[in-house]
Amino acid sequence: MALPTAPDSAAIASAYDAIAERWLDSRFSRDNGVRQHEVALAFLAQAAEGWALNAGCGCSTRLNPLLRAQGLRIEGVDISARMIGLAAQADPDVVLHHADICSWQPTRRYRFISAWDSIWHVDLEQQRPLMFKLMAALEPGGVFIFSAGGLDAADAHVDATMGPPVYYGTLGIPGLLDVVKESGCVCRHLEFDQLPHKHLFMVVQREAASAAADSGQI
């Protein structure tokens, strides 16, 4: 049976405009993803400054103190105008873009990129190109954390638990690892963090320039 395809960007934006406030009320844990981002940030080398990108940033600013503690300035992208508006009110110092992350193009390199519970809303056909784009935007030594469905093969479904129908797709663990390898990055950490649910997060890192030079690759 053919897998479902994701709705167009306007439909995705409308769905998240409608439910944006649920990330600000008691239904959403302020601890969501915090420990996992602490794991990812531990792989970063110390630096005086740099940028972090939050791809699919939503309206919650709970991760921003962690990023700033690493000397990172923050940039966020989200397809939902309501999410972006709420995020701007909560933290005006973040550089925000109301855009589809699949068509949006980075204008700088990042020490850190997060795509927490966001890539899986992108159609499977677009997930590989999106992940390649994000990992290509990492600085040498830069770290990328993302969450995904921890299945053995690619799959997709539509779920209306939160209200409007929302698409979820995953490349599956082998597919995710293939993208990481083909991007020239290394998987540093893979964890099922919500068992028995098949929710996983992965931390990957672009090779540091000095390491590449020592090995004769540059």
C-alpha atoms as a PDB file:
ATOM      1  CA  MET A   1       0.000   0.000   0.000  1.00  0.00           C
ATOM      2  CA  ALA A   2       1.324   3.432  -0.924  1.00  0.00           C
ATOM      3  CA  LEU A   3       2.383   5.692   1.906  1.00  0.00           C
ATOM      4  CA  PRO A   4       0.450   8.948   2.416  1.00  0.00           C
ATOM      5  CA  THR A   5       2.017  12.172   1.245  1.00  0.00           C
ATOM      6  CA  ALA A   6       2.305  15.273   3.380  1.00  0.00           C
ATOM      7  CA  PRO A   7      -0.205  18.096   2.841  1.00  0.00           C
ATOM      8  CA  ASP A   8       1.026  21.238   1.138  1.00  0.00           C
ATOM      9  CA  SER A   9       2.839  23.900   3.142  1.00  0.00           C
ATOM     10  CA  ALA A  10      -0.259  26.095   3.476  1.00  0.00           C
ATOM     11  CA  ALA A  11      -2.185  23.248   5.121  1.00  0.00           C
ATOM     12  CA  ILE A  12       0.681  22.480   7.507  1.00  0.00           C
ATOM     13  CA  ALA A  13       0.947  26.150   8.453  1.00  0.00           C
ATOM     14  CA  SER A  14      -2.812  26.382   9.035  1.00  0.00           C
ATOM     15  CA  ALA A  15      -2.801  23.290  11.266  1.00  0.00           C
ATOM     16  CA  TYR A  16      -0.061  24.677  13.493  1.00  0.00           C
ATOM     17  CA  ASP A  17      -1.550  28.164  13.553  1.00  0.00           C
ATOM     18  CA  ALA A  18      -4.670  26.544  15.029  1.00  0.00           C
ATOM     19  CA  ILE A  19      -2.882  24.678  17.828  1.00  0.00           C
ATOM     20  CA  ALA A  20       0.091  26.962  18.551  1.00  0.00           C
ATOM     21  CA  GLU A  21      -0.980  27.871  22.077  1.00  0.00           C
ATOM     22  CA  ARG A  22      -0.911  24.270  23.303  1.00  0.00           C
ATOM     23  CA  TRP A  23       2.907  24.525  23.487  1.00  0.00           C
ATOM     24  CA  LEU A  24       2.480  27.341  26.016  1.00  0.00           C
ATOM     25  CA  ASP A  25      -0.023  25.719  28.374  1.00  0.00           C
ATOM     26  CA  SER A  26       0.088  22.871  30.870  1.00  0.00           C
ATOM     27  CA  ARG A  27      -0.386  20.211  28.197  1.00  0.00           C
ATOM     28  CA  PHE A  28       3.206  20.699  27.080  1.00  0.00           C
ATOM     29  CA  SER A  29       6.153  19.922  29.339  1.00  0.00           C
ATOM     30  CA  ARG A  30       8.790  22.630  29.601  1.00  0.00           C
ATOM     31  CA  ASP A  31      11.306  19.805  30.035  1.00  0.00           C
ATOM     32  CA  ASN A  32      10.559  18.363  26.589  1.00  0.00           C
ATOM     33  CA  GLY A  33      13.854  17.902  24.746  1.00  0.00           C
ATOM     34  CA  VAL A  34      15.951  19.747  27.324  1.00  0.00           C
ATOM     35  CA  ARG A  35      18.011  16.772  28.530  1.00  0.00           C
ATOM     36  CA  GLN A  36      18.512  15.623  24.950  1.00  0.00           C
ATOM     37  CA  HIS A  37      19.830  19.034  23.911  1.00  0.00           C
ATOM     38  CA  GLU A  38      22.192  19.001  26.884  1.00  0.00           C
ATOM     39  CA  VAL A  39      23.573  15.714  25.523  1.00  0.00           C
ATOM     40  CA  ALA A  40      24.054  17.267  22.084  1.00  0.00           C
ATOM     41  CA  LEU A  41      25.623  20.493  23.341  1.00  0.00           C
ATOM     42  CA  ALA A  42      28.204  18.497  25.306  1.00  0.00           C
ATOM     43  CA  PHE A  43      29.820  17.556  21.974  1.00  0.00           C
ATOM     44  CA  LEU A  44      30.479  21.193  21.077  1.00  0.00           C
ATOM     45  CA  ALA A  45      33.993  22.523  21.471  1.00  0.00           C
ATOM     46  CA  GLN A  46      34.281  25.720  23.466  1.00  0.00           C
ATOM     47  CA  ALA A  47      34.096  28.857  21.344  1.00  0.00           C
ATOM     48  CA  ALA A  48      33.667  32.535  22.037  1.00  0.00           C
ATOM     49  CA  GLU A  49      30.709  32.989  19.714  1.00  0.00           C
ATOM     50  CA  GLY A  50      28.627  31.395  17.006  1.00  0.00           C
ATOM     51  CA  TRP A  51      25.106  30.770  15.783  1.00  0.00           C
ATOM     52  CA  ALA A  52      22.457  28.163  16.487  1.00  0.00           C
ATOM     53  CA  LEU A  53      19.589  27.374  14.127  1.00  0.00           C
ATOM     54  CA  ASN A  54      16.264  26.029  15.384  1.00  0.00           C
ATOM     55  CA  ALA A  55      14.575  24.437  12.357  1.00  0.00           C
ATOM     56  CA  GLY A  56      10.849  24.283  13.052  1.00  0.00           C
ATOM     57  CA  CYS A  57      11.322  26.417  16.133  1.00  0.00           C
ATOM     58  CA  GLY A  58       7.680  26.702  17.165  1.00  0.00           C
ATOM     59  CA  CYS A  59       6.726  29.180  19.873  1.00  0.00           C
ATOM     60  CA  SER A  60       8.373  27.639  22.952  1.00  0.00           C
ATOM     61  CA  THR A  61      11.629  29.319  23.982  1.00  0.00           C
ATOM     62  CA  ARG A  62      12.566  26.727  26.634  1.00  0.00           C
ATOM     63  CA  LEU A  63      15.804  25.742  24.852  1.00  0.00           C
ATOM     64  CA  ASN A  64      17.110  29.275  24.365  1.00  0.00           C
ATOM     65  CA  PRO A  65      18.902  29.580  27.745  1.00  0.00           C
ATOM     66  CA  LEU A  66      20.818  26.350  27.023  1.00  0.00           C
ATOM     67  CA  LEU A  67      21.990  27.698  23.668  1.00  0.00           C
ATOM     68  CA  ARG A  68      22.981  31.101  25.027  1.00  0.00           C
ATOM     69  CA  ALA A  69      24.963  29.446  27.809  1.00  0.00           C
ATOM     70  CA  GLN A  70      27.180  28.068  25.017  1.00  0.00           C
ATOM     71  CA  GLY A  71      27.729  31.576  23.607  1.00  0.00           C
ATOM     72  CA  LEU A  72      25.311  30.971  20.744  1.00  0.00           C
ATOM     73  CA  ARG A  73      23.105  33.540  19.056  1.00  0.00           C
ATOM     74  CA  ILE A  74      19.818  32.026  17.941  1.00  0.00           C
ATOM     75  CA  GLU A  75      18.016  31.942  14.622  1.00  0.00           C
ATOM     76  CA  GLY A  76      14.669  30.207  14.131  1.00  0.00           C
ATOM     77  CA  VAL A  77      12.536  29.138  11.179  1.00  0.00           C
ATOM     78  CA  ASP A  78       8.913  28.020  11.280  1.00  0.00           C
ATOM     79  CA  ILE A  79       6.140  27.625   8.726  1.00  0.00           C
ATOM     80  CA  SER A  80       3.435  28.821  11.149  1.00  0.00           C
ATOM     81  CA  ALA A  81       2.916  32.575  11.337  1.00  0.00           C
ATOM     82  CA  ARG A  82       1.215  32.166  14.719  1.00  0.00           C
ATOM     83  CA  MET A  83       4.170  30.208  16.094  1.00  0.00           C
ATOM     84  CA  ILE A  84       6.602  32.877  14.880  1.00  0.00           C
ATOM     85  CA  GLY A  85       4.487  35.666  16.375  1.00  0.00           C
ATOM     86  CA  LEU A  86       4.364  34.004  19.787  1.00  0.00           C
ATOM     87  CA  ALA A  87       8.093  33.216  19.693  1.00  0.00           C
ATOM     88  CA  ALA A  88       8.914  36.853  18.873  1.00  0.00           C
ATOM     89  CA  GLN A  89       6.864  38.052  21.834  1.00  0.00           C
ATOM     90  CA  ALA A  90       8.557  35.588  24.191  1.00  0.00           C
ATOM     91  CA  ASP A  91      12.147  36.253  23.075  1.00  0.00           C
ATOM     92  CA  PRO A  92      12.671  39.315  20.855  1.00  0.00           C
ATOM     93  CA  ASP A  93      16.424  38.696  20.584  1.00  0.00           C
ATOM     94  CA  VAL A  94      15.988  35.619  18.381  1.00  0.00           C
ATOM     95  CA  VAL A  95      16.291  36.176  14.614  1.00  0.00           C
ATOM     96  CA  LEU A  96      13.093  34.616  13.273  1.00  0.00           C
ATOM     97  CA  HIS A  97      11.990  33.654   9.773  1.00  0.00           C
ATOM     98  CA  HIS A  98       8.414  32.820   8.796  1.00  0.00           C
ATOM     99  CA  ALA A  99       9.234  30.321   6.053  1.00  0.00           C
ATOM    100  CA  ASP A 100       9.025  26.730   4.855  1.00  0.00           C
ATOM    101  CA  ILE A 101      12.296  25.161   5.987  1.00  0.00           C
ATOM    102  CA  CYS A 102      12.377  23.057   2.800  1.00  0.00           C
ATOM    103  CA  SER A 103      12.648  26.137   0.565  1.00  0.00           C
ATOM    104  CA  TRP A 104      14.382  28.493   3.017  1.00  0.00           C
ATOM    105  CA  GLN A 105      18.129  28.845   2.448  1.00  0.00           C
ATOM    106  CA  PRO A 106      20.637  29.458   5.264  1.00  0.00           C
ATOM    107  CA  THR A 107      22.771  32.569   4.865  1.00  0.00           C
ATOM    108  CA  ARG A 108      25.442  31.546   7.374  1.00  0.00           C
ATOM    109  CA  ARG A 109      27.087  28.488   8.967  1.00  0.00           C
ATOM    110  CA  TYR A 110      26.015  27.246  12.378  1.00  0.00           C
ATOM    111  CA  ARG A 111      27.830  25.737  15.348  1.00  0.00           C
ATOM    112  CA  PHE A 112      24.609  24.051  16.389  1.00  0.00           C
ATOM    113  CA  ILE A 113      21.381  23.074  14.624  1.00  0.00           C
ATOM    114  CA  SER A 114      18.262  21.618  16.216  1.00  0.00           C
ATOM    115  CA  ALA A 115      15.325  20.054  14.380  1.00  0.00           C
ATOM    116  CA  TRP A 116      13.301  18.796  17.315  1.00  0.00           C
ATOM    117  CA  ASP A 117      10.032  17.057  16.378  1.00  0.00           C
ATOM    118  CA  SER A 118       9.915  18.955  13.079  1.00  0.00           C
ATOM    119  CA  ILE A 119      11.513  16.988  10.226  1.00  0.00           C
ATOM    120  CA  TRP A 120       8.911  14.251  10.541  1.00  0.00           C
ATOM    121  CA  HIS A 121       6.206  16.673   9.321  1.00  0.00           C
ATOM    122  CA  VAL A 122       8.060  16.989   5.995  1.00  0.00           C
ATOM    123  CA  ASP A 123       7.091  14.628   3.184  1.00  0.00           C
ATOM    124  CA  LEU A 124       9.420  11.624   2.931  1.00  0.00           C
ATOM    125  CA  GLU A 125      10.548  12.693  -0.549  1.00  0.00           C
ATOM    126  CA  GLN A 126      11.834  15.966   0.904  1.00  0.00           C
ATOM    127  CA  GLN A 127      13.382  14.708   4.125  1.00  0.00           C
ATOM    128  CA  ARG A 128      16.705  13.595   2.646  1.00  0.00           C
ATOM    129  CA  PRO A 129      17.314  16.886   0.774  1.00  0.00           C
ATOM    130  CA  LEU A 130      16.343  18.860   3.874  1.00  0.00           C
ATOM    131  CA  MET A 131      18.700  16.918   6.121  1.00  0.00           C
ATOM    132  CA  PHE A 132      21.536  17.285   3.600  1.00  0.00           C
ATOM    133  CA  LYS A 133      20.924  21.046   3.517  1.00  0.00           C
ATOM    134  CA  LEU A 134      20.938  21.379   7.289  1.00  0.00           C
ATOM    135  CA  MET A 135      24.078  19.309   7.782  1.00  0.00           C
ATOM    136  CA  ALA A 136      25.829  21.215   4.984  1.00  0.00           C
ATOM    137  CA  ALA A 137      25.145  24.387   6.980  1.00  0.00           C
ATOM    138  CA  LEU A 138      27.181  23.156   9.959  1.00  0.00           C
ATOM    139  CA  GLU A 139      30.537  24.706  10.731  1.00  0.00           C
ATOM    140  CA  PRO A 140      33.467  22.278  11.069  1.00  0.00           C
ATOM    141  CA  GLY A 141      32.877  20.625  14.429  1.00  0.00           C
ATOM    142  CA  GLY A 142      29.252  21.753  14.375  1.00  0.00           C
ATOM    143  CA  VAL A 143      26.554  19.595  15.978  1.00  0.00           C
ATOM    144  CA  PHE A 144      23.073  18.704  14.704  1.00  0.00           C
ATOM    145  CA  ILE A 145      20.341  17.175  16.870  1.00  0.00           C
ATOM    146  CA  PHE A 146      17.086  15.910  15.420  1.00  0.00           C
ATOM    147  CA  SER A 147      14.261  13.627  16.460  1.00  0.00           C
ATOM    148  CA  ALA A 148      12.579  11.001  14.302  1.00  0.00           C
ATOM    149  CA  GLY A 149      10.407   7.936  14.302  1.00  0.00           C
ATOM    150  CA  GLY A 150      12.597   5.001  15.331  1.00  0.00           C
ATOM    151  CA  LEU A 151      11.353   2.429  12.845  1.00  0.00           C
ATOM    152  CA  ASP A 152      13.330  -0.177  10.905  1.00  0.00           C
ATOM    153  CA  ALA A 153      12.141   1.126   7.524  1.00  0.00           C
ATOM    154  CA  ALA A 154      10.624   4.231   5.984  1.00  0.00           C
ATOM    155  CA  ASP A 155       6.994   4.825   6.888  1.00  0.00           C
ATOM    156  CA  ALA A 156       4.423   7.611   7.135  1.00  0.00           C
ATOM    157  CA  HIS A 157       0.963   8.180   8.561  1.00  0.00           C
ATOM    158  CA  VAL A 158      -1.503  10.952   9.387  1.00  0.00           C
ATOM    159  CA  ASP A 159      -2.627  11.506  12.977  1.00  0.00           C
ATOM    160  CA  ALA A 160      -5.328  13.832  14.336  1.00  0.00           C
ATOM    161  CA  THR A 161      -4.610  13.411  18.056  1.00  0.00           C
ATOM    162  CA  MET A 162      -3.833  17.123  18.497  1.00  0.00           C
ATOM    163  CA  GLY A 163      -6.908  18.240  16.526  1.00  0.00           C
ATOM    164  CA  PRO A 164      -6.173  18.931  12.864  1.00  0.00           C
ATOM    165  CA  PRO A 165      -4.731  16.031  10.844  1.00  0.00           C
ATOM    166  CA  VAL A 166      -0.911  16.134  10.960  1.00  0.00           C
ATOM    167  CA  TYR A 167       1.532  14.133   8.825  1.00  0.00           C
ATOM    168  CA  TYR A 168       4.353  12.107  10.365  1.00  0.00           C
ATOM    169  CA  GLY A 169       7.025  10.402   8.288  1.00  0.00           C
ATOM    170  CA  THR A 170      10.374   8.752   8.994  1.00  0.00           C
ATOM    171  CA  LEU A 171      13.169   7.454   6.816  1.00  0.00           C
ATOM    172  CA  GLY A 172      13.732   4.674   9.353  1.00  0.00           C
ATOM    173  CA  ILE A 173      16.948   4.140  11.284  1.00  0.00           C
ATOM    174  CA  PRO A 174      18.979   2.705   8.355  1.00  0.00           C
ATOM    175  CA  GLY A 175      17.829   5.552   6.108  1.00  0.00           C
ATOM    176  CA  LEU A 176      18.682   8.193   8.690  1.00  0.00           C
ATOM    177  CA  LEU A 177      22.157   6.753   9.225  1.00  0.00           C
ATOM    178  CA  ASP A 178      22.714   6.653   5.456  1.00  0.00           C
ATOM    179  CA  VAL A 179      21.926  10.367   5.170  1.00  0.00           C
ATOM    180  CA  VAL A 180      24.304  11.196   8.015  1.00  0.00           C
ATOM    181  CA  LYS A 181      27.120   9.181   6.414  1.00  0.00           C
ATOM    182  CA  GLU A 182      26.531  10.624   2.947  1.00  0.00           C
ATOM    183  CA  SER A 183      26.562  14.142   4.381  1.00  0.00           C
ATOM    184  CA  GLY A 184      30.097  13.700   5.697  1.00  0.00           C
ATOM    185  CA  CYS A 185      28.979  13.800   9.325  1.00  0.00           C
ATOM    186  CA  VAL A 186      29.343  11.250  12.129  1.00  0.00           C
ATOM    187  CA  CYS A 187      26.627   9.889  14.424  1.00  0.00           C
ATOM    188  CA  ARG A 188      27.721  10.639  18.000  1.00  0.00           C
ATOM    189  CA  HIS A 189      24.594   9.501  19.851  1.00  0.00           C
ATOM    190  CA  LEU A 190      21.359   7.652  19.036  1.00  0.00           C
ATOM    191  CA  GLU A 191      18.786   7.049  21.753  1.00  0.00           C
ATOM    192  CA  PHE A 192      15.204   5.866  22.117  1.00  0.00           C
ATOM    193  CA  ASP A 193      14.200   8.419  24.733  1.00  0.00           C
ATOM    194  CA  GLN A 194      10.464   7.799  25.152  1.00  0.00           C
ATOM    195  CA  LEU A 195      10.101   4.021  25.306  1.00  0.00           C
ATOM    196  CA  PRO A 196       7.811   2.216  24.684  1.00  0.00           C
ATOM    197  CA  HIS A 197       7.131   4.900  22.060  1.00  0.00           C
ATOM    198  CA  LYS A 198       9.387   4.682  18.989  1.00  0.00           C
ATOM    199  CA  HIS A 199      10.683   8.229  19.419  1.00  0.00           C
ATOM    200  CA  LEU A 200      14.411   8.605  18.942  1.00  0.00           C
ATOM    201  CA  PHE A 201      16.866  11.432  18.791  1.00  0.00           C
ATOM    202  CA  MET A 202      20.201  11.484  17.057  1.00  0.00           C
ATOM    203  CA  VAL A 203      23.208  13.733  17.565  1.00  0.00           C
ATOM    204  CA  VAL A 204      25.559  14.108  14.608  1.00  0.00           C
ATOM    205  CA  GLN A 205      28.675  16.165  14.136  1.00  0.00           C
ATOM    206  CA  ARG A 206      30.584  17.545  11.186  1.00  0.00           C
ATOM    207  CA  GLU A 207      34.262  16.698  11.335  1.00  0.00           C
ATOM    208  CA  ALA A 208      36.402  19.480  12.762  1.00  0.00           C
ATOM    209  CA  ALA A 209      38.670  21.178  10.251  1.00  0.00           C
ATOM    210  CA  SER A 210      41.794  20.341  12.246  1.00  0.00           C
ATOM    211  CA  ALA A 211      40.936  16.643  12.303  1.00  0.00           C
ATOM    212  CA  ALA A 212      40.321  16.618   8.573  1.00  0.00           C
ATOM    213  CA  ALA A 213      43.616  18.376   7.960  1.00  0.00           C
ATOM    214  CA  ASP A 214      45.509  15.907  10.154  1.00  0.00           C
ATOM    215  CA  SER A 215      44.072  13.020   8.175  1.00  0.00           C
ATOM    216  CA  GLY A 216      45.018  14.579   4.852  1.00  0.00           C
ATOM    217  CA  GLN A 217      41.412  15.079   3.728  1.00  0.00           C
ATOM    218  CA  ILE A 218      41.793  18.825   3.177  1.00  0.00           C
END
